[in-house]
Amino acid sequence: MSESSFQDDVLNELGDDKLTEIAGLLGTDVGAARETVAETVGAMTGGLQEKADADDDDGVEVRQAFAEVAQPPLEGVATLGGLGGLLSGGMMAGVLAKVSKPVANAVSKKTGIPAATVSRVIELLIPVLLAVFAKRAAAGKGAGAGAATAGGAPAAAPGAAPAEGGNLGDLLGQILGGGKK
């Protein structure tokens, strides 16, 4: 797997059509839309990492959402809550929705784009972020025993939120690409 940044993966997953749609929302060209998307994604992943590190209910929720994303899809009849839940967003969609308002305000302040417009861009980005999270988690899991963390422990036990900082950091690093780029 090539070492691409999380923002690059999101932009690739977005594709030209969605990027053009975002450019239209922003009233700008595709290049400026690409920069705004990268800025927004960076702010969202930073916000997720910050929340995940918190020792409160938000932190627990974010860690559980990442653990859910990292679970391999179930097979057979059990898929009703597995891949179907992931495709509908599951817990992570709710977590992303919660960080979207502060992110929209921060990106608005930095770029001068109205927060309401940035919020509409974020609405388009959430399904793309979910897809990239799932692909990155699956890519890490696909290595089998090689998906262990640097410390040798599994990235996350299925069904369990990573409670220890090392496991959470490894899981977030695997999905988000090691933090801020």
N, C-alpha and C. Protein backbone atom coordinates (compact mmCIF):
# COMPACT_ATOMS: atom_id res chain seq x y z
N MET A 1 0.84 -1.18 0.00
CA MET A 1 0.00 0.00 0.00
C MET A 1 0.89 1.24 0.00
N SER A 2 0.62 2.17 -0.87
CA SER A 2 1.44 3.37 -0.94
C SER A 2 1.13 4.27 0.25
N GLU A 3 2.12 5.06 0.62
CA GLU A 3 1.97 5.97 1.74
C GLU A 3 1.34 7.27 1.27
N SER A 4 0.03 7.33 1.24
CA SER A 4 -0.62 8.58 0.88
C SER A 4 -1.24 9.15 2.15
N SER A 5 -1.38 10.46 2.17
CA SER A 5 -1.96 11.10 3.34
C SER A 5 -3.46 10.81 3.38
N PHE A 6 -4.01 11.00 4.54
CA PHE A 6 -5.46 10.81 4.69
C PHE A 6 -6.21 11.76 3.77
N GLN A 7 -5.73 13.01 3.69
CA GLN A 7 -6.37 14.00 2.82
C GLN A 7 -6.33 13.53 1.36
N ASP A 8 -5.19 12.97 0.93
CA ASP A 8 -5.07 12.47 -0.45
C ASP A 8 -6.09 11.36 -0.70
N ASP A 9 -6.21 10.45 0.28
CA ASP A 9 -7.17 9.35 0.12
C ASP A 9 -8.60 9.88 0.01
N VAL A 10 -8.92 10.89 0.82
CA VAL A 10 -10.27 11.47 0.76
C VAL A 10 -10.49 12.13 -0.60
N LEU A 11 -9.50 12.89 -1.07
CA LEU A 11 -9.63 13.56 -2.38
C LEU A 11 -9.78 12.53 -3.50
N ASN A 12 -9.02 11.43 -3.43
CA ASN A 12 -9.15 10.38 -4.44
C ASN A 12 -10.52 9.72 -4.39
N GLU A 13 -11.00 9.45 -3.18
CA GLU A 13 -12.31 8.83 -3.01
C GLU A 13 -13.42 9.77 -3.49
N LEU A 14 -13.21 11.05 -3.27
CA LEU A 14 -14.18 12.07 -3.67
C LEU A 14 -14.40 12.06 -5.17
N GLY A 15 -13.32 11.99 -5.91
CA GLY A 15 -13.41 11.97 -7.37
C GLY A 15 -13.70 13.35 -7.95
N ASP A 16 -13.54 13.46 -9.25
CA ASP A 16 -13.68 14.74 -9.95
C ASP A 16 -15.10 15.29 -9.89
N ASP A 17 -16.11 14.40 -9.99
CA ASP A 17 -17.50 14.89 -9.99
C ASP A 17 -17.87 15.57 -8.68
N LYS A 18 -17.55 14.91 -7.56
CA LYS A 18 -17.88 15.49 -6.25
C LYS A 18 -17.04 16.73 -5.99
N LEU A 19 -15.78 16.73 -6.44
CA LEU A 19 -14.92 17.90 -6.26
C LEU A 19 -15.47 19.08 -7.05
N THR A 20 -15.97 18.81 -8.25
CA THR A 20 -16.60 19.85 -9.06
C THR A 20 -17.86 20.37 -8.37
N GLU A 21 -18.63 19.45 -7.77
CA GLU A 21 -19.84 19.84 -7.04
C GLU A 21 -19.47 20.75 -5.86
N ILE A 22 -18.41 20.39 -5.14
CA ILE A 22 -17.95 21.21 -4.01
C ILE A 22 -17.46 22.57 -4.50
N ALA A 23 -16.75 22.58 -5.62
CA ALA A 23 -16.28 23.85 -6.19
C ALA A 23 -17.48 24.75 -6.50
N GLY A 24 -18.56 24.16 -7.02
CA GLY A 24 -19.78 24.91 -7.29
C GLY A 24 -20.39 25.48 -6.02
N LEU A 25 -20.43 24.67 -4.96
CA LEU A 25 -20.94 25.14 -3.67
C LEU A 25 -20.13 26.32 -3.16
N LEU A 26 -18.81 26.22 -3.34
CA LEU A 26 -17.92 27.26 -2.83
C LEU A 26 -17.82 28.46 -3.76
N GLY A 27 -18.31 28.30 -4.99
CA GLY A 27 -18.21 29.38 -5.96
C GLY A 27 -16.77 29.63 -6.39
N THR A 28 -16.03 28.54 -6.58
CA THR A 28 -14.62 28.64 -6.91
C THR A 28 -14.23 27.57 -7.91
N ASP A 29 -12.94 27.47 -8.20
CA ASP A 29 -12.49 26.43 -9.12
C ASP A 29 -12.12 25.15 -8.36
N VAL A 30 -11.82 24.09 -9.11
CA VAL A 30 -11.55 22.78 -8.51
C VAL A 30 -10.28 22.82 -7.64
N GLY A 31 -9.29 23.59 -8.06
CA GLY A 31 -8.05 23.70 -7.28
C GLY A 31 -8.30 24.28 -5.89
N ALA A 32 -9.07 25.35 -5.84
CA ALA A 32 -9.40 25.97 -4.55
C ALA A 32 -10.30 25.05 -3.73
N ALA A 33 -11.19 24.32 -4.40
CA ALA A 33 -12.06 23.37 -3.69
C ALA A 33 -11.21 22.26 -3.07
N ARG A 34 -10.21 21.80 -3.81
CA ARG A 34 -9.29 20.76 -3.32
C ARG A 34 -8.59 21.24 -2.04
N GLU A 35 -8.11 22.49 -2.05
CA GLU A 35 -7.45 23.06 -0.88
C GLU A 35 -8.40 23.15 0.31
N THR A 36 -9.64 23.58 0.05
CA THR A 36 -10.63 23.70 1.11
C THR A 36 -10.96 22.33 1.69
N VAL A 37 -11.11 21.32 0.82
CA VAL A 37 -11.39 19.96 1.29
C VAL A 37 -10.23 19.47 2.15
N ALA A 38 -8.99 19.67 1.71
CA ALA A 38 -7.83 19.23 2.48
C ALA A 38 -7.78 19.92 3.84
N GLU A 39 -8.06 21.21 3.85
CA GLU A 39 -8.10 21.98 5.10
C GLU A 39 -9.18 21.45 6.03
N THR A 40 -10.36 21.19 5.48
CA THR A 40 -11.50 20.71 6.27
C THR A 40 -11.23 19.31 6.82
N VAL A 41 -10.70 18.44 5.98
CA VAL A 41 -10.39 17.07 6.41
C VAL A 41 -9.32 17.10 7.51
N GLY A 42 -8.32 17.95 7.33
CA GLY A 42 -7.28 18.07 8.36
C GLY A 42 -7.85 18.54 9.69
N ALA A 43 -8.76 19.50 9.63
CA ALA A 43 -9.40 20.00 10.86
C ALA A 43 -10.28 18.92 11.49
N MET A 44 -10.98 18.15 10.67
CA MET A 44 -11.85 17.09 11.20
C MET A 44 -11.03 15.99 11.86
N THR A 45 -9.96 15.54 11.19
CA THR A 45 -9.16 14.47 11.78
C THR A 45 -8.45 14.96 13.03
N GLY A 46 -8.01 16.22 13.03
CA GLY A 46 -7.41 16.78 14.23
C GLY A 46 -8.42 16.83 15.37
N GLY A 47 -9.65 17.23 15.05
CA GLY A 47 -10.71 17.27 16.05
C GLY A 47 -11.03 15.89 16.59
N LEU A 48 -11.03 14.89 15.71
CA LEU A 48 -11.29 13.52 16.14
C LEU A 48 -10.18 13.03 17.07
N GLN A 49 -8.93 13.32 16.71
CA GLN A 49 -7.81 12.88 17.54
C GLN A 49 -7.88 13.54 18.91
N GLU A 50 -8.21 14.84 18.91
CA GLU A 50 -8.31 15.58 20.17
C GLU A 50 -9.40 14.97 21.05
N LYS A 51 -10.56 14.70 20.46
CA LYS A 51 -11.67 14.10 21.21
C LYS A 51 -11.31 12.70 21.69
N ALA A 52 -10.64 11.93 20.85
CA ALA A 52 -10.28 10.56 21.21
C ALA A 52 -9.34 10.53 22.41
N ASP A 53 -8.51 11.55 22.53
CA ASP A 53 -7.56 11.62 23.63
C ASP A 53 -8.20 12.08 24.93
N ALA A 54 -9.42 12.64 24.85
CA ALA A 54 -10.10 13.16 26.03
C ALA A 54 -10.56 12.03 26.94
N ASP A 55 -10.53 12.32 28.22
CA ASP A 55 -10.96 11.33 29.22
C ASP A 55 -12.39 11.62 29.68
N ASP A 56 -13.30 11.76 28.70
CA ASP A 56 -14.69 12.05 29.03
C ASP A 56 -15.60 11.22 28.12
N ASP A 57 -16.91 11.49 28.17
CA ASP A 57 -17.86 10.72 27.37
C ASP A 57 -17.59 10.86 25.88
N ASP A 58 -17.20 12.07 25.44
CA ASP A 58 -16.87 12.26 24.02
C ASP A 58 -15.70 11.38 23.61
N GLY A 59 -14.69 11.31 24.45
CA GLY A 59 -13.52 10.48 24.16
C GLY A 59 -13.89 9.02 24.03
N VAL A 60 -14.73 8.55 24.95
CA VAL A 60 -15.19 7.16 24.91
C VAL A 60 -15.96 6.90 23.62
N GLU A 61 -16.83 7.84 23.25
CA GLU A 61 -17.64 7.67 22.04
C GLU A 61 -16.76 7.60 20.78
N VAL A 62 -15.77 8.49 20.70
CA VAL A 62 -14.88 8.49 19.53
C VAL A 62 -14.07 7.20 19.48
N ARG A 63 -13.56 6.75 20.61
CA ARG A 63 -12.78 5.50 20.63
C ARG A 63 -13.66 4.31 20.22
N GLN A 64 -14.90 4.28 20.69
CA GLN A 64 -15.82 3.20 20.31
C GLN A 64 -16.13 3.27 18.81
N ALA A 65 -16.29 4.48 18.28
CA ALA A 65 -16.60 4.63 16.86
C ALA A 65 -15.43 4.12 16.01
N PHE A 66 -14.19 4.42 16.42
CA PHE A 66 -13.03 3.93 15.67
C PHE A 66 -12.93 2.41 15.79
N ALA A 67 -13.24 1.87 16.97
CA ALA A 67 -13.22 0.42 17.13
C ALA A 67 -14.26 -0.23 16.22
N GLU A 68 -15.44 0.41 16.10
CA GLU A 68 -16.49 -0.11 15.23
C GLU A 68 -16.03 -0.11 13.77
N VAL A 69 -15.39 0.98 13.35
CA VAL A 69 -14.91 1.08 11.97
C VAL A 69 -13.85 0.02 11.70
N ALA A 70 -13.04 -0.29 12.72
CA ALA A 70 -11.94 -1.23 12.53
C ALA A 70 -12.37 -2.69 12.53
N GLN A 71 -13.61 -2.96 12.92
CA GLN A 71 -14.09 -4.34 12.93
C GLN A 71 -14.24 -4.87 11.51
N PRO A 72 -13.82 -6.13 11.30
CA PRO A 72 -14.06 -6.70 9.96
C PRO A 72 -15.54 -6.90 9.75
N PRO A 73 -16.00 -6.76 8.50
CA PRO A 73 -17.43 -6.99 8.24
C PRO A 73 -17.81 -8.42 8.59
N LEU A 74 -19.00 -8.56 9.13
CA LEU A 74 -19.50 -9.89 9.47
C LEU A 74 -20.02 -10.57 8.22
N GLU A 75 -20.17 -11.89 8.31
CA GLU A 75 -20.67 -12.63 7.15
C GLU A 75 -22.01 -13.27 7.47
N GLY A 76 -22.74 -13.63 6.43
CA GLY A 76 -24.00 -14.34 6.61
C GLY A 76 -25.10 -13.47 7.19
N VAL A 77 -25.94 -14.08 8.02
CA VAL A 77 -27.10 -13.38 8.56
C VAL A 77 -26.68 -12.25 9.50
N ALA A 78 -25.50 -12.36 10.06
CA ALA A 78 -25.05 -11.37 11.03
C ALA A 78 -24.72 -10.02 10.39
N THR A 79 -24.75 -9.93 9.07
CA THR A 79 -24.36 -8.67 8.42
C THR A 79 -25.35 -7.54 8.63
N LEU A 80 -26.51 -7.81 9.18
CA LEU A 80 -27.49 -6.74 9.38
C LEU A 80 -26.91 -5.58 10.17
N GLY A 81 -26.11 -5.87 11.19
CA GLY A 81 -25.50 -4.80 11.97
C GLY A 81 -24.07 -4.56 11.58
N GLY A 82 -23.49 -5.40 10.75
CA GLY A 82 -22.08 -5.31 10.37
C GLY A 82 -21.85 -4.31 9.27
N LEU A 83 -21.65 -4.80 8.07
CA LEU A 83 -21.35 -3.93 6.94
C LEU A 83 -22.50 -2.96 6.67
N GLY A 84 -23.73 -3.42 6.82
CA GLY A 84 -24.87 -2.53 6.63
C GLY A 84 -24.82 -1.36 7.59
N GLY A 85 -24.45 -1.64 8.84
CA GLY A 85 -24.31 -0.57 9.83
C GLY A 85 -23.19 0.38 9.46
N LEU A 86 -22.10 -0.18 8.92
CA LEU A 86 -20.97 0.65 8.53
C LEU A 86 -21.33 1.52 7.34
N LEU A 87 -22.03 0.95 6.38
CA LEU A 87 -22.40 1.72 5.20
C LEU A 87 -23.38 2.84 5.55
N SER A 88 -24.23 2.61 6.54
CA SER A 88 -25.15 3.66 6.94
C SER A 88 -24.47 4.65 7.87
N GLY A 89 -23.23 4.38 8.22
CA GLY A 89 -22.46 5.31 9.01
C GLY A 89 -22.19 4.85 10.42
N GLY A 90 -23.12 4.12 11.00
CA GLY A 90 -22.92 3.64 12.35
C GLY A 90 -22.60 4.78 13.31
N MET A 91 -21.85 4.44 14.33
CA MET A 91 -21.49 5.39 15.36
C MET A 91 -20.59 6.51 14.83
N MET A 92 -19.71 6.18 13.88
CA MET A 92 -18.77 7.17 13.37
C MET A 92 -19.48 8.34 12.67
N ALA A 93 -20.59 8.07 11.99
CA ALA A 93 -21.33 9.15 11.33
C ALA A 93 -21.81 10.17 12.38
N GLY A 94 -22.26 9.67 13.51
CA GLY A 94 -22.70 10.57 14.58
C GLY A 94 -21.55 11.37 15.16
N VAL A 95 -20.40 10.73 15.32
CA VAL A 95 -19.22 11.41 15.83
C VAL A 95 -18.79 12.51 14.86
N LEU A 96 -18.78 12.19 13.57
CA LEU A 96 -18.39 13.19 12.56
C LEU A 96 -19.37 14.36 12.55
N ALA A 97 -20.65 14.06 12.70
CA ALA A 97 -21.65 15.12 12.73
C ALA A 97 -21.41 16.05 13.92
N LYS A 98 -21.00 15.48 15.07
CA LYS A 98 -20.75 16.28 16.26
C LYS A 98 -19.56 17.23 16.07
N VAL A 99 -18.51 16.78 15.39
CA VAL A 99 -17.34 17.65 15.22
C VAL A 99 -17.51 18.61 14.06
N SER A 100 -18.55 18.43 13.25
CA SER A 100 -18.68 19.23 12.04
C SER A 100 -18.90 20.72 12.30
N LYS A 101 -19.68 21.07 13.32
CA LYS A 101 -19.94 22.50 13.56
C LYS A 101 -18.69 23.25 14.00
N PRO A 102 -17.95 22.75 15.01
CA PRO A 102 -16.72 23.46 15.37
C PRO A 102 -15.71 23.49 14.22
N VAL A 103 -15.66 22.41 13.44
CA VAL A 103 -14.75 22.37 12.28
C VAL A 103 -15.17 23.41 11.25
N ALA A 104 -16.47 23.48 10.97
CA ALA A 104 -16.97 24.47 10.00
C ALA A 104 -16.61 25.88 10.44
N ASN A 105 -16.76 26.15 11.73
CA ASN A 105 -16.43 27.48 12.25
C ASN A 105 -14.93 27.76 12.13
N ALA A 106 -14.10 26.77 12.45
CA ALA A 106 -12.64 26.96 12.37
C ALA A 106 -12.19 27.16 10.93
N VAL A 107 -12.71 26.34 10.02
CA VAL A 107 -12.33 26.46 8.61
C VAL A 107 -12.83 27.80 8.05
N SER A 108 -14.03 28.19 8.46
CA SER A 108 -14.58 29.47 8.02
C SER A 108 -13.68 30.62 8.45
N LYS A 109 -13.25 30.59 9.70
CA LYS A 109 -12.40 31.64 10.23
C LYS A 109 -11.07 31.70 9.48
N LYS A 110 -10.53 30.53 9.14
CA LYS A 110 -9.23 30.47 8.48
C LYS A 110 -9.31 30.84 6.99
N THR A 111 -10.41 30.46 6.33
CA THR A 111 -10.50 30.64 4.88
C THR A 111 -11.38 31.81 4.45
N GLY A 112 -12.24 32.29 5.34
CA GLY A 112 -13.16 33.35 4.97
C GLY A 112 -14.43 32.84 4.30
N ILE A 113 -14.54 31.53 4.12
CA ILE A 113 -15.74 30.93 3.53
C ILE A 113 -16.81 30.87 4.64
N PRO A 114 -18.05 31.27 4.35
CA PRO A 114 -19.09 31.23 5.39
C PRO A 114 -19.23 29.83 6.01
N ALA A 115 -19.42 29.80 7.33
CA ALA A 115 -19.52 28.53 8.06
C ALA A 115 -20.65 27.66 7.51
N ALA A 116 -21.76 28.28 7.09
CA ALA A 116 -22.87 27.50 6.54
C ALA A 116 -22.45 26.77 5.27
N THR A 117 -21.62 27.41 4.45
CA THR A 117 -21.13 26.78 3.22
C THR A 117 -20.17 25.64 3.56
N VAL A 118 -19.28 25.88 4.51
CA VAL A 118 -18.35 24.82 4.93
C VAL A 118 -19.14 23.64 5.49
N SER A 119 -20.22 23.91 6.22
CA SER A 119 -21.06 22.83 6.77
C SER A 119 -21.66 21.99 5.65
N ARG A 120 -22.07 22.63 4.55
CA ARG A 120 -22.62 21.88 3.41
C ARG A 120 -21.54 21.02 2.78
N VAL A 121 -20.31 21.53 2.72
CA VAL A 121 -19.19 20.74 2.19
C VAL A 121 -18.95 19.53 3.10
N ILE A 122 -18.99 19.76 4.42
CA ILE A 122 -18.78 18.66 5.37
C ILE A 122 -19.85 17.59 5.20
N GLU A 123 -21.09 18.00 4.95
CA GLU A 123 -22.16 17.02 4.72
C GLU A 123 -21.82 16.12 3.53
N LEU A 124 -21.21 16.69 2.49
CA LEU A 124 -20.81 15.89 1.34
C LEU A 124 -19.60 15.01 1.66
N LEU A 125 -18.77 15.48 2.60
CA LEU A 125 -17.54 14.75 2.93
C LEU A 125 -17.76 13.58 3.88
N ILE A 126 -18.78 13.64 4.72
CA ILE A 126 -18.96 12.59 5.75
C ILE A 126 -19.02 11.18 5.14
N PRO A 127 -19.84 10.92 4.10
CA PRO A 127 -19.84 9.55 3.56
C PRO A 127 -18.48 9.16 2.97
N VAL A 128 -17.76 10.14 2.43
CA VAL A 128 -16.44 9.87 1.86
C VAL A 128 -15.45 9.55 2.98
N LEU A 129 -15.51 10.30 4.07
CA LEU A 129 -14.65 10.02 5.23
C LEU A 129 -14.92 8.62 5.76
N LEU A 130 -16.20 8.25 5.86
CA LEU A 130 -16.55 6.91 6.34
C LEU A 130 -15.96 5.83 5.44
N ALA A 131 -16.02 6.05 4.14
CA ALA A 131 -15.48 5.08 3.19
C ALA A 131 -13.96 4.96 3.35
N VAL A 132 -13.28 6.10 3.50
CA VAL A 132 -11.82 6.06 3.65
C VAL A 132 -11.44 5.42 4.99
N PHE A 133 -12.16 5.74 6.07
CA PHE A 133 -11.90 5.09 7.36
C PHE A 133 -11.99 3.58 7.20
N ALA A 134 -13.07 3.12 6.56
CA ALA A 134 -13.30 1.68 6.40
C ALA A 134 -12.20 1.04 5.56
N LYS A 135 -11.81 1.71 4.47
CA LYS A 135 -10.77 1.15 3.60
C LYS A 135 -9.43 1.08 4.32
N ARG A 136 -9.10 2.12 5.07
CA ARG A 136 -7.83 2.13 5.79
C ARG A 136 -7.83 1.06 6.88
N ALA A 137 -8.94 0.93 7.58
CA ALA A 137 -9.03 -0.08 8.63
C ALA A 137 -8.93 -1.47 8.02
N ALA A 138 -9.62 -1.69 6.89
CA ALA A 138 -9.58 -2.99 6.23
C ALA A 138 -8.19 -3.30 5.70
N ALA A 139 -7.51 -2.30 5.19
CA ALA A 139 -6.15 -2.50 4.66
C ALA A 139 -5.22 -2.94 5.78
N GLY A 140 -5.39 -2.37 6.95
CA GLY A 140 -4.57 -2.76 8.10
C GLY A 140 -4.91 -4.16 8.56
N LYS A 141 -6.19 -4.50 8.55
CA LYS A 141 -6.64 -5.83 8.98
C LYS A 141 -6.28 -6.90 7.95
N GLY A 142 -6.23 -6.50 6.68
CA GLY A 142 -5.96 -7.46 5.61
C GLY A 142 -4.59 -8.09 5.69
N ALA A 143 -3.70 -7.49 6.47
CA ALA A 143 -2.35 -8.02 6.59
C ALA A 143 -2.28 -9.18 7.57
N GLY A 144 -3.42 -9.55 8.16
CA GLY A 144 -3.46 -10.66 9.09
C GLY A 144 -2.60 -10.39 10.31
N ALA A 145 -1.64 -11.27 10.60
CA ALA A 145 -0.79 -11.10 11.76
C ALA A 145 0.05 -9.84 11.65
N GLY A 146 0.30 -9.39 10.44
CA GLY A 146 1.07 -8.18 10.23
C GLY A 146 0.31 -6.93 10.63
N ALA A 147 -0.96 -7.06 10.96
CA ALA A 147 -1.74 -5.89 11.36
C ALA A 147 -1.52 -5.54 12.83
N ALA A 148 -0.61 -6.25 13.48
CA ALA A 148 -0.32 -5.94 14.87
C ALA A 148 0.34 -4.57 14.95
N THR A 149 0.23 -3.96 16.10
CA THR A 149 0.82 -2.64 16.29
C THR A 149 2.32 -2.77 16.50
N ALA A 150 2.99 -1.65 16.56
CA ALA A 150 4.43 -1.65 16.77
C ALA A 150 4.79 -2.37 18.07
N GLY A 151 3.91 -2.30 19.06
CA GLY A 151 4.15 -2.98 20.33
C GLY A 151 3.83 -4.45 20.27
N GLY A 152 3.30 -4.93 19.15
CA GLY A 152 3.00 -6.34 18.99
C GLY A 152 1.58 -6.72 19.38
N ALA A 153 0.82 -5.78 19.91
CA ALA A 153 -0.55 -6.08 20.30
C ALA A 153 -1.49 -5.83 19.14
N PRO A 154 -2.60 -6.53 19.06
CA PRO A 154 -3.55 -6.27 17.96
C PRO A 154 -4.06 -4.83 18.03
N ALA A 155 -4.38 -4.28 16.89
CA ALA A 155 -4.82 -2.88 16.82
C ALA A 155 -6.08 -2.67 17.66
N ALA A 156 -7.04 -3.56 17.59
CA ALA A 156 -8.25 -3.47 18.42
C ALA A 156 -8.95 -4.81 18.38
N ALA A 157 -9.43 -5.23 19.52
CA ALA A 157 -10.20 -6.47 19.56
C ALA A 157 -11.57 -6.20 18.98
N PRO A 158 -12.09 -7.11 18.14
CA PRO A 158 -13.42 -6.87 17.59
C PRO A 158 -14.44 -6.68 18.71
N GLY A 159 -15.25 -5.64 18.56
CA GLY A 159 -16.31 -5.40 19.53
C GLY A 159 -15.86 -4.64 20.76
N ALA A 160 -14.56 -4.35 20.87
CA ALA A 160 -14.08 -3.64 22.05
C ALA A 160 -13.47 -2.32 21.66
N ALA A 161 -13.76 -1.32 22.43
CA ALA A 161 -13.12 -0.02 22.19
C ALA A 161 -11.71 -0.11 22.75
N PRO A 162 -10.73 0.36 22.01
CA PRO A 162 -9.37 0.30 22.54
C PRO A 162 -9.27 1.23 23.74
N ALA A 163 -8.96 0.67 24.90
CA ALA A 163 -8.94 1.46 26.11
C ALA A 163 -7.56 2.04 26.38
N GLU A 164 -6.52 1.32 26.00
CA GLU A 164 -5.17 1.78 26.29
C GLU A 164 -4.72 2.78 25.24
N GLY A 165 -3.99 3.77 25.69
CA GLY A 165 -3.52 4.82 24.79
C GLY A 165 -2.75 4.28 23.60
N GLY A 166 -1.89 3.28 23.81
CA GLY A 166 -1.09 2.73 22.72
C GLY A 166 -1.95 2.12 21.63
N ASN A 167 -2.91 1.31 22.04
CA ASN A 167 -3.77 0.68 21.05
C ASN A 167 -4.60 1.71 20.31
N LEU A 168 -5.13 2.69 21.04
CA LEU A 168 -5.93 3.73 20.40
C LEU A 168 -5.06 4.52 19.43
N GLY A 169 -3.88 4.89 19.88
CA GLY A 169 -2.97 5.65 19.01
C GLY A 169 -2.64 4.89 17.75
N ASP A 170 -2.41 3.59 17.89
CA ASP A 170 -2.10 2.77 16.72
C ASP A 170 -3.29 2.68 15.79
N LEU A 171 -4.48 2.51 16.36
CA LEU A 171 -5.69 2.42 15.55
C LEU A 171 -5.93 3.74 14.82
N LEU A 172 -5.83 4.85 15.55
CA LEU A 172 -6.02 6.15 14.91
C LEU A 172 -4.95 6.39 13.85
N GLY A 173 -3.72 6.00 14.17
CA GLY A 173 -2.63 6.17 13.20
C GLY A 173 -2.88 5.36 11.94
N GLN A 174 -3.39 4.15 12.12
CA GLN A 174 -3.68 3.28 10.97
C GLN A 174 -4.78 3.88 10.11
N ILE A 175 -5.83 4.40 10.75
CA ILE A 175 -6.97 4.92 9.99
C ILE A 175 -6.73 6.34 9.49
N LEU A 176 -6.17 7.19 10.35
CA LEU A 176 -5.99 8.59 9.99
C LEU A 176 -4.63 8.85 9.33
N GLY A 177 -3.75 7.87 9.34
CA GLY A 177 -2.46 8.05 8.69
C GLY A 177 -1.43 8.70 9.59
N GLY A 178 -1.52 8.46 10.89
CA GLY A 178 -0.47 8.93 11.79
C GLY A 178 -0.65 10.36 12.26
N GLY A 179 -1.81 10.93 12.08
CA GLY A 179 -2.04 12.24 12.66
C GLY A 179 -2.01 13.35 11.64
N LYS A 180 -1.60 14.52 12.12
CA LYS A 180 -1.68 15.73 11.30
C LYS A 180 -0.63 15.73 10.21
N LYS A 181 -1.02 16.05 9.02
CA LYS A 181 -0.10 16.10 7.88
C LYS A 181 0.11 17.53 7.49
